[in-house]
Amino acid sequence: MTPDKKMSTKAEQITGAVKETVGRAVGNERLTAEGRAQRADADMREAGHKAREAFRR
């Protein structure tokens, strides 16, 4: 994974976690779900990159 993609993925994970936390704090279920989905998407992307790197070795 290139450093730019890695930073982008980490930023998206952090953004999703923040949205989820803020949504829980204010009681907004939609924001909580949106943050959870965004974080899950970034987690899956990171897992895919790690799997590809494992097969290249």
N, C-alpha and C. Protein backbone atom coordinates (compact mmCIF):
# COMPACT_ATOMS: atom_id res chain seq x y z
N MET A 1 0.86 -1.16 0.00
CA MET A 1 0.00 0.00 0.00
C MET A 1 0.91 1.22 0.00
N THR A 2 0.60 2.16 -0.87
CA THR A 2 1.40 3.37 -0.92
C THR A 2 1.12 4.22 0.32
N PRO A 3 2.07 5.04 0.68
CA PRO A 3 1.86 5.88 1.87
C PRO A 3 0.62 6.77 1.77
N ASP A 4 0.33 7.27 0.56
CA ASP A 4 -0.85 8.12 0.39
C ASP A 4 -2.14 7.35 0.65
N LYS A 5 -2.22 6.13 0.13
CA LYS A 5 -3.41 5.31 0.34
C LYS A 5 -3.54 4.90 1.80
N LYS A 6 -2.39 4.62 2.42
CA LYS A 6 -2.40 4.22 3.82
C LYS A 6 -2.92 5.36 4.70
N MET A 7 -2.45 6.58 4.43
CA MET A 7 -2.91 7.74 5.19
C MET A 7 -4.40 8.00 4.94
N SER A 8 -4.81 7.85 3.70
CA SER A 8 -6.22 8.06 3.36
C SER A 8 -7.11 7.07 4.09
N THR A 9 -6.69 5.81 4.12
CA THR A 9 -7.47 4.78 4.79
C THR A 9 -7.53 5.03 6.29
N LYS A 10 -6.39 5.39 6.88
CA LYS A 10 -6.37 5.69 8.32
C LYS A 10 -7.25 6.90 8.64
N ALA A 11 -7.19 7.92 7.78
CA ALA A 11 -8.01 9.11 8.00
C ALA A 11 -9.49 8.76 7.94
N GLU A 12 -9.85 7.89 7.02
CA GLU A 12 -11.25 7.48 6.91
C GLU A 12 -11.68 6.65 8.13
N GLN A 13 -10.78 5.81 8.64
CA GLN A 13 -11.09 5.04 9.85
C GLN A 13 -11.31 5.98 11.03
N ILE A 14 -10.47 6.97 11.17
CA ILE A 14 -10.59 7.92 12.28
C ILE A 14 -11.86 8.74 12.14
N THR A 15 -12.15 9.20 10.92
CA THR A 15 -13.37 9.98 10.69
C THR A 15 -14.61 9.16 11.04
N GLY A 16 -14.62 7.90 10.63
CA GLY A 16 -15.75 7.03 10.95
C GLY A 16 -15.90 6.82 12.44
N ALA A 17 -14.79 6.64 13.13
CA ALA A 17 -14.84 6.45 14.58
C ALA A 17 -15.35 7.69 15.28
N VAL A 18 -14.93 8.86 14.81
CA VAL A 18 -15.39 10.11 15.41
C VAL A 18 -16.89 10.29 15.18
N LYS A 19 -17.34 10.02 13.95
CA LYS A 19 -18.78 10.14 13.65
C LYS A 19 -19.59 9.20 14.54
N GLU A 20 -19.10 7.99 14.69
CA GLU A 20 -19.81 7.01 15.51
C GLU A 20 -19.88 7.47 16.97
N THR A 21 -18.78 7.96 17.49
CA THR A 21 -18.73 8.42 18.88
C THR A 21 -19.63 9.64 19.10
N VAL A 22 -19.57 10.59 18.19
CA VAL A 22 -20.40 11.79 18.31
C VAL A 22 -21.87 11.41 18.19
N GLY A 23 -22.18 10.51 17.28
CA GLY A 23 -23.55 10.06 17.13
C GLY A 23 -24.09 9.42 18.40
N ARG A 24 -23.27 8.63 19.04
CA ARG A 24 -23.68 8.02 20.31
C ARG A 24 -23.85 9.06 21.40
N ALA A 25 -22.95 10.04 21.42
CA ALA A 25 -22.99 11.06 22.48
C ALA A 25 -24.24 11.92 22.37
N VAL A 26 -24.66 12.24 21.16
CA VAL A 26 -25.83 13.11 21.00
C VAL A 26 -27.12 12.32 20.77
N GLY A 27 -27.00 11.00 20.67
CA GLY A 27 -28.18 10.17 20.49
C GLY A 27 -28.70 10.13 19.06
N ASN A 28 -27.82 10.38 18.09
CA ASN A 28 -28.21 10.38 16.69
C ASN A 28 -27.85 9.02 16.09
N GLU A 29 -28.84 8.18 15.90
CA GLU A 29 -28.59 6.83 15.40
C GLU A 29 -28.08 6.82 13.97
N ARG A 30 -28.57 7.77 13.16
CA ARG A 30 -28.14 7.83 11.77
C ARG A 30 -26.64 8.14 11.67
N LEU A 31 -26.18 9.09 12.46
CA LEU A 31 -24.77 9.45 12.46
C LEU A 31 -23.92 8.30 12.99
N THR A 32 -24.41 7.61 13.98
CA THR A 32 -23.71 6.46 14.53
C THR A 32 -23.56 5.37 13.46
N ALA A 33 -24.63 5.08 12.76
CA ALA A 33 -24.59 4.06 11.71
C ALA A 33 -23.69 4.48 10.55
N GLU A 34 -23.74 5.74 10.20
CA GLU A 34 -22.91 6.25 9.12
C GLU A 34 -21.42 6.12 9.48
N GLY A 35 -21.07 6.46 10.70
CA GLY A 35 -19.69 6.33 11.15
C GLY A 35 -19.23 4.89 11.20
N ARG A 36 -20.11 4.02 11.67
CA ARG A 36 -19.78 2.60 11.73
C ARG A 36 -19.54 2.05 10.32
N ALA A 37 -20.38 2.44 9.37
CA ALA A 37 -20.24 1.97 7.99
C ALA A 37 -18.95 2.51 7.36
N GLN A 38 -18.65 3.77 7.60
CA GLN A 38 -17.45 4.37 7.04
C GLN A 38 -16.19 3.69 7.60
N ARG A 39 -16.19 3.43 8.89
CA ARG A 39 -15.05 2.76 9.50
C ARG A 39 -14.91 1.33 8.99
N ALA A 40 -16.03 0.63 8.84
CA ALA A 40 -15.99 -0.74 8.34
C ALA A 40 -15.47 -0.79 6.91
N ASP A 41 -15.86 0.18 6.09
CA ASP A 41 -15.39 0.26 4.71
C ASP A 41 -13.87 0.43 4.68
N ALA A 42 -13.37 1.32 5.50
CA ALA A 42 -11.92 1.56 5.55
C ALA A 42 -11.20 0.33 6.10
N ASP A 43 -11.78 -0.34 7.08
CA ASP A 43 -11.17 -1.56 7.63
C ASP A 43 -11.06 -2.64 6.57
N MET A 44 -12.10 -2.79 5.76
CA MET A 44 -12.09 -3.80 4.70
C MET A 44 -11.04 -3.46 3.64
N ARG A 45 -10.93 -2.19 3.30
CA ARG A 45 -9.93 -1.77 2.32
C ARG A 45 -8.52 -2.08 2.84
N GLU A 46 -8.29 -1.79 4.12
CA GLU A 46 -6.98 -2.05 4.72
C GLU A 46 -6.70 -3.56 4.74
N ALA A 47 -7.68 -4.36 5.07
CA ALA A 47 -7.51 -5.81 5.10
C ALA A 47 -7.19 -6.35 3.71
N GLY A 48 -7.83 -5.79 2.69
CA GLY A 48 -7.55 -6.21 1.32
C GLY A 48 -6.13 -5.90 0.91
N HIS A 49 -5.66 -4.72 1.28
CA HIS A 49 -4.28 -4.35 0.97
C HIS A 49 -3.29 -5.24 1.70
N LYS A 50 -3.58 -5.55 2.96
CA LYS A 50 -2.69 -6.42 3.73
C LYS A 50 -2.65 -7.82 3.13
N ALA A 51 -3.79 -8.32 2.66
CA ALA A 51 -3.85 -9.65 2.06
C ALA A 51 -3.03 -9.68 0.77
N ARG A 52 -3.17 -8.65 -0.04
CA ARG A 52 -2.39 -8.59 -1.28
C ARG A 52 -0.89 -8.56 -0.99
N GLU A 53 -0.50 -7.79 0.02
CA GLU A 53 0.91 -7.71 0.37
C GLU A 53 1.42 -9.05 0.90
N ALA A 54 0.60 -9.79 1.60
CA ALA A 54 1.00 -11.08 2.13
C ALA A 54 1.27 -12.08 0.99
N PHE A 55 0.47 -12.02 -0.08
CA PHE A 55 0.66 -12.93 -1.19
C PHE A 55 1.85 -12.55 -2.06
N ARG A 56 2.26 -11.29 -2.02
CA ARG A 56 3.40 -10.85 -2.82
C ARG A 56 4.72 -11.33 -2.22
N ARG A 57 4.72 -11.65 -0.96
CA ARG A 57 5.97 -12.06 -0.30
C ARG A 57 6.28 -13.50 -0.54
